[in-house]
Amino acid sequence: MTTRHVPDFALPFALSCCLLLGTACLSSAEETAPREAQVFTIFMLVRATDAWLALEPEARFAFLEAEVQPIIESHPEVGFRFYDSEAFTAETSDVIVWQMSDLGRYQSIVERLRETRFWGHYFAVGSIIPAIENAYAQQYDVEPFGPGRSSSGAAATAPDTAPDTTPDTN
């Protein structure tokens, strides 16, 4: 078997493309080695539209309960957290943080959200930023930087309570 030299800058880019496209990037020997499931975090920056802000809070909650919550609940393996940011930036009113080990499940949620008034009518999706926590530590087989981190990239201790995943209505 011939080994090819890949420039240092090319491998992270190629792996990112493979992860995002779902393409197999590993050799057969690497595929058979036991590995921990990769956890992906995706930051979705959204901005509430005038249509959303014109709704009474009761109508906002009714919409979220009827159309958005069932989509999120249909994929319990995909973590969902909602953060308000309008007090700190004029570009983004909210940040949605998704976590999953199966990008296909996340994609399913996005496809379904795009078929609702959430996507484009009530919220403009500005940026979608995929990330892998502590990927450098995995790449170089070192402990992650900072206190309270495990080598898998997860927090060493779980919070006392689960985060509230109920979206704010702005």
C-alpha atoms as a PDB file:
ATOM      1  CA  MET A   1       0.000   0.000   0.000  1.00  0.00           C
ATOM      2  CA  THR A   2       1.359   3.430  -0.973  1.00  0.00           C
ATOM      3  CA  THR A   3       1.207   6.263   1.527  1.00  0.00           C
ATOM      4  CA  ARG A   4       0.701   9.755   0.159  1.00  0.00           C
ATOM      5  CA  HIS A   5       1.847  12.894   1.958  1.00  0.00           C
ATOM      6  CA  VAL A   6      -1.038  15.271   2.593  1.00  0.00           C
ATOM      7  CA  PRO A   7      -0.186  18.885   3.479  1.00  0.00           C
ATOM      8  CA  ASP A   8      -1.059  19.730   7.102  1.00  0.00           C
ATOM      9  CA  PHE A   9      -3.657  22.311   6.071  1.00  0.00           C
ATOM     10  CA  ALA A  10      -5.491  19.933   3.732  1.00  0.00           C
ATOM     11  CA  LEU A  11      -6.502  17.216   6.191  1.00  0.00           C
ATOM     12  CA  PRO A  12      -8.759  19.290   8.507  1.00  0.00           C
ATOM     13  CA  PHE A  13     -10.470  20.799   5.462  1.00  0.00           C
ATOM     14  CA  ALA A  14     -10.965  17.403   3.826  1.00  0.00           C
ATOM     15  CA  LEU A  15     -12.282  15.854   7.029  1.00  0.00           C
ATOM     16  CA  SER A  16     -14.677  18.769   7.552  1.00  0.00           C
ATOM     17  CA  CYS A  17     -16.020  18.282   4.047  1.00  0.00           C
ATOM     18  CA  CYS A  18     -16.405  14.554   4.632  1.00  0.00           C
ATOM     19  CA  LEU A  19     -18.202  15.098   7.953  1.00  0.00           C
ATOM     20  CA  LEU A  20     -20.582  17.671   6.525  1.00  0.00           C
ATOM     21  CA  LEU A  21     -21.279  15.676   3.374  1.00  0.00           C
ATOM     22  CA  GLY A  22     -21.477  12.325   5.146  1.00  0.00           C
ATOM     23  CA  THR A  23     -18.733  10.868   2.947  1.00  0.00           C
ATOM     24  CA  ALA A  24     -16.587   8.011   4.179  1.00  0.00           C
ATOM     25  CA  CYS A  25     -13.057   9.335   4.711  1.00  0.00           C
ATOM     26  CA  LEU A  26     -11.393   6.519   6.604  1.00  0.00           C
ATOM     27  CA  SER A  27      -9.301   3.677   5.302  1.00  0.00           C
ATOM     28  CA  SER A  28     -10.595   0.171   5.943  1.00  0.00           C
ATOM     29  CA  ALA A  29      -8.157  -0.295   8.853  1.00  0.00           C
ATOM     30  CA  GLU A  30      -9.369   2.913  10.520  1.00  0.00           C
ATOM     31  CA  GLU A  31     -13.017   1.983   9.972  1.00  0.00           C
ATOM     32  CA  THR A  32     -12.643  -1.193  12.025  1.00  0.00           C
ATOM     33  CA  ALA A  33     -10.895   0.470  14.974  1.00  0.00           C
ATOM     34  CA  PRO A  34     -13.258   1.186  17.886  1.00  0.00           C
ATOM     35  CA  ARG A  35     -13.992   4.899  18.269  1.00  0.00           C
ATOM     36  CA  GLU A  36     -16.195   7.067  20.396  1.00  0.00           C
ATOM     37  CA  ALA A  37     -19.125   8.593  18.555  1.00  0.00           C
ATOM     38  CA  GLN A  38     -18.221  12.036  17.253  1.00  0.00           C
ATOM     39  CA  VAL A  39     -20.389  14.785  18.728  1.00  0.00           C
ATOM     40  CA  PHE A  40     -21.138  17.734  16.459  1.00  0.00           C
ATOM     41  CA  THR A  41     -22.289  21.134  17.652  1.00  0.00           C
ATOM     42  CA  ILE A  42     -24.034  23.442  15.222  1.00  0.00           C
ATOM     43  CA  PHE A  43     -24.652  27.088  15.999  1.00  0.00           C
ATOM     44  CA  MET A  44     -27.600  28.527  14.084  1.00  0.00           C
ATOM     45  CA  LEU A  45     -27.773  32.321  14.197  1.00  0.00           C
ATOM     46  CA  VAL A  46     -31.291  33.594  13.574  1.00  0.00           C
ATOM     47  CA  ARG A  47     -33.043  36.945  13.609  1.00  0.00           C
ATOM     48  CA  ALA A  48     -36.672  37.416  14.577  1.00  0.00           C
ATOM     49  CA  THR A  49     -38.631  39.051  11.771  1.00  0.00           C
ATOM     50  CA  ASP A  50     -41.199  41.812  12.048  1.00  0.00           C
ATOM     51  CA  ALA A  51     -43.887  39.158  11.497  1.00  0.00           C
ATOM     52  CA  TRP A  52     -42.731  37.347  14.663  1.00  0.00           C
ATOM     53  CA  LEU A  53     -42.463  40.521  16.699  1.00  0.00           C
ATOM     54  CA  ALA A  54     -45.964  41.593  15.605  1.00  0.00           C
ATOM     55  CA  LEU A  55     -47.494  38.457  17.148  1.00  0.00           C
ATOM     56  CA  GLU A  56     -48.875  38.572  20.666  1.00  0.00           C
ATOM     57  CA  PRO A  57     -46.838  36.363  23.040  1.00  0.00           C
ATOM     58  CA  GLU A  58     -49.727  33.879  23.287  1.00  0.00           C
ATOM     59  CA  ALA A  59     -49.698  33.433  19.500  1.00  0.00           C
ATOM     60  CA  ARG A  60     -45.923  32.955  19.526  1.00  0.00           C
ATOM     61  CA  PHE A  61     -46.139  30.228  22.141  1.00  0.00           C
ATOM     62  CA  ALA A  62     -49.035  28.547  20.321  1.00  0.00           C
ATOM     63  CA  PHE A  63     -47.036  28.486  17.078  1.00  0.00           C
ATOM     64  CA  LEU A  64     -43.956  27.044  18.758  1.00  0.00           C
ATOM     65  CA  GLU A  65     -46.000  24.398  20.550  1.00  0.00           C
ATOM     66  CA  ALA A  66     -47.981  23.381  17.475  1.00  0.00           C
ATOM     67  CA  GLU A  67     -45.337  23.504  14.743  1.00  0.00           C
ATOM     68  CA  VAL A  68     -41.788  23.595  16.135  1.00  0.00           C
ATOM     69  CA  GLN A  69     -41.902  21.529  19.310  1.00  0.00           C
ATOM     70  CA  PRO A  70     -43.204  18.351  17.588  1.00  0.00           C
ATOM     71  CA  ILE A  71     -40.316  18.501  15.095  1.00  0.00           C
ATOM     72  CA  ILE A  72     -37.720  18.829  17.832  1.00  0.00           C
ATOM     73  CA  GLU A  73     -39.357  16.159  19.992  1.00  0.00           C
ATOM     74  CA  SER A  74     -39.399  13.731  17.042  1.00  0.00           C
ATOM     75  CA  HIS A  75     -35.597  13.623  17.241  1.00  0.00           C
ATOM     76  CA  PRO A  76     -34.727  13.256  20.944  1.00  0.00           C
ATOM     77  CA  GLU A  77     -31.152  12.273  20.034  1.00  0.00           C
ATOM     78  CA  VAL A  78     -30.546  15.832  18.798  1.00  0.00           C
ATOM     79  CA  GLY A  79     -29.904  18.310  21.583  1.00  0.00           C
ATOM     80  CA  PHE A  80     -31.522  21.733  21.271  1.00  0.00           C
ATOM     81  CA  ARG A  81     -30.817  24.912  23.234  1.00  0.00           C
ATOM     82  CA  PHE A  82     -32.098  28.409  22.539  1.00  0.00           C
ATOM     83  CA  TYR A  83     -30.265  31.603  23.550  1.00  0.00           C
ATOM     84  CA  ASP A  84     -31.416  35.225  23.367  1.00  0.00           C
ATOM     85  CA  SER A  85     -28.813  37.591  21.999  1.00  0.00           C
ATOM     86  CA  GLU A  86     -30.751  40.674  20.878  1.00  0.00           C
ATOM     87  CA  ALA A  87     -29.540  42.678  23.884  1.00  0.00           C
ATOM     88  CA  PHE A  88     -25.942  42.178  22.754  1.00  0.00           C
ATOM     89  CA  THR A  89     -25.982  42.383  18.963  1.00  0.00           C
ATOM     90  CA  ALA A  90     -28.176  43.941  16.299  1.00  0.00           C
ATOM     91  CA  GLU A  91     -27.349  41.242  13.748  1.00  0.00           C
ATOM     92  CA  THR A  92     -28.710  38.169  15.549  1.00  0.00           C
ATOM     93  CA  SER A  93     -31.670  38.014  17.904  1.00  0.00           C
ATOM     94  CA  ASP A  94     -31.227  34.375  18.917  1.00  0.00           C
ATOM     95  CA  VAL A  95     -28.709  31.550  18.765  1.00  0.00           C
ATOM     96  CA  ILE A  96     -29.891  27.967  18.497  1.00  0.00           C
ATOM     97  CA  VAL A  97     -27.349  25.349  19.533  1.00  0.00           C
ATOM     98  CA  TRP A  98     -27.818  21.828  18.204  1.00  0.00           C
ATOM     99  CA  GLN A  99     -25.769  18.820  19.346  1.00  0.00           C
ATOM    100  CA  MET A 100     -25.809  15.387  17.759  1.00  0.00           C
ATOM    101  CA  SER A 101     -23.674  12.468  16.705  1.00  0.00           C
ATOM    102  CA  ASP A 102     -25.747  11.785  13.577  1.00  0.00           C
ATOM    103  CA  LEU A 103     -25.786  14.691  11.125  1.00  0.00           C
ATOM    104  CA  GLY A 104     -28.641  13.047   9.226  1.00  0.00           C
ATOM    105  CA  ARG A 105     -30.954  13.518  12.207  1.00  0.00           C
ATOM    106  CA  TYR A 106     -30.060  17.212  12.386  1.00  0.00           C
ATOM    107  CA  GLN A 107     -30.615  17.556   8.637  1.00  0.00           C
ATOM    108  CA  SER A 108     -34.055  15.999   9.040  1.00  0.00           C
ATOM    109  CA  ILE A 109     -34.978  18.632  11.624  1.00  0.00           C
ATOM    110  CA  VAL A 110     -33.756  21.438   9.378  1.00  0.00           C
ATOM    111  CA  GLU A 111     -35.653  20.099   6.363  1.00  0.00           C
ATOM    112  CA  ARG A 112     -38.845  19.921   8.413  1.00  0.00           C
ATOM    113  CA  LEU A 113     -38.321  23.388   9.931  1.00  0.00           C
ATOM    114  CA  ARG A 114     -37.885  24.809   6.430  1.00  0.00           C
ATOM    115  CA  GLU A 115     -41.420  23.627   5.654  1.00  0.00           C
ATOM    116  CA  THR A 116     -42.858  25.736   8.485  1.00  0.00           C
ATOM    117  CA  ARG A 117     -43.307  29.455   9.016  1.00  0.00           C
ATOM    118  CA  PHE A 118     -40.396  29.309  11.483  1.00  0.00           C
ATOM    119  CA  TRP A 119     -37.850  29.352   8.639  1.00  0.00           C
ATOM    120  CA  GLY A 120     -37.883  32.583   6.686  1.00  0.00           C
ATOM    121  CA  HIS A 121     -41.243  33.967   7.804  1.00  0.00           C
ATOM    122  CA  TYR A 122     -40.809  34.281  11.561  1.00  0.00           C
ATOM    123  CA  PHE A 123     -37.026  33.858  11.729  1.00  0.00           C
ATOM    124  CA  ALA A 124     -34.357  34.665   9.161  1.00  0.00           C
ATOM    125  CA  VAL A 125     -31.525  32.156   9.377  1.00  0.00           C
ATOM    126  CA  GLY A 126     -28.320  34.164   9.085  1.00  0.00           C
ATOM    127  CA  SER A 127     -25.530  31.656   9.641  1.00  0.00           C
ATOM    128  CA  ILE A 128     -25.143  27.972  10.365  1.00  0.00           C
ATOM    129  CA  ILE A 129     -21.788  27.197  11.951  1.00  0.00           C
ATOM    130  CA  PRO A 130     -20.801  23.527  12.447  1.00  0.00           C
ATOM    131  CA  ALA A 131     -18.129  22.812  15.040  1.00  0.00           C
ATOM    132  CA  ILE A 132     -16.464  19.990  16.951  1.00  0.00           C
ATOM    133  CA  GLU A 133     -15.609  20.739  20.555  1.00  0.00           C
ATOM    134  CA  ASN A 134     -11.921  20.288  21.326  1.00  0.00           C
ATOM    135  CA  ALA A 135     -11.183  18.793  17.896  1.00  0.00           C
ATOM    136  CA  TYR A 136      -7.547  19.833  18.265  1.00  0.00           C
ATOM    137  CA  ALA A 137      -7.261  17.594  21.345  1.00  0.00           C
ATOM    138  CA  GLN A 138      -8.633  14.642  19.409  1.00  0.00           C
ATOM    139  CA  GLN A 139      -6.383  15.386  16.439  1.00  0.00           C
ATOM    140  CA  TYR A 140      -3.199  15.590  18.502  1.00  0.00           C
ATOM    141  CA  ASP A 141      -4.222  13.115  21.227  1.00  0.00           C
ATOM    142  CA  VAL A 142      -3.805  15.657  24.037  1.00  0.00           C
ATOM    143  CA  GLU A 143      -6.000  16.720  26.918  1.00  0.00           C
ATOM    144  CA  PRO A 144      -8.316  19.639  26.089  1.00  0.00           C
ATOM    145  CA  PHE A 145      -7.368  23.063  27.352  1.00  0.00           C
ATOM    146  CA  GLY A 146      -9.239  24.406  30.359  1.00  0.00           C
ATOM    147  CA  PRO A 147     -10.486  23.094  33.680  1.00  0.00           C
ATOM    148  CA  GLY A 148     -13.247  20.517  33.939  1.00  0.00           C
ATOM    149  CA  ARG A 149     -12.868  19.060  30.450  1.00  0.00           C
ATOM    150  CA  SER A 150     -12.582  15.381  29.621  1.00  0.00           C
ATOM    151  CA  SER A 151     -10.543  13.966  26.754  1.00  0.00           C
ATOM    152  CA  SER A 152     -13.776  13.268  24.872  1.00  0.00           C
ATOM    153  CA  GLY A 153     -14.509  16.983  24.816  1.00  0.00           C
ATOM    154  CA  ALA A 154     -17.515  16.714  27.110  1.00  0.00           C
ATOM    155  CA  ALA A 155     -17.813  18.489  30.403  1.00  0.00           C
ATOM    156  CA  ALA A 156     -16.315  16.351  33.167  1.00  0.00           C
ATOM    157  CA  THR A 157     -19.337  16.908  35.375  1.00  0.00           C
ATOM    158  CA  ALA A 158     -22.910  17.211  34.255  1.00  0.00           C
ATOM    159  CA  PRO A 159     -24.942  20.216  35.361  1.00  0.00           C
ATOM    160  CA  ASP A 160     -27.327  19.675  38.257  1.00  0.00           C
ATOM    161  CA  THR A 161     -30.323  20.347  36.024  1.00  0.00           C
ATOM    162  CA  ALA A 162     -30.992  19.924  32.328  1.00  0.00           C
ATOM    163  CA  PRO A 163     -31.041  23.157  30.330  1.00  0.00           C
ATOM    164  CA  ASP A 164     -34.385  24.695  29.504  1.00  0.00           C
ATOM    165  CA  THR A 165     -35.018  24.058  25.810  1.00  0.00           C
ATOM    166  CA  THR A 166     -38.132  26.214  25.545  1.00  0.00           C
ATOM    167  CA  PRO A 167     -37.555  28.964  22.973  1.00  0.00           C
ATOM    168  CA  ASP A 168     -37.984  32.519  24.174  1.00  0.00           C
ATOM    169  CA  THR A 169     -40.519  34.566  22.266  1.00  0.00           C
ATOM    170  CA  ASN A 170     -38.393  37.732  22.192  1.00  0.00           C
END
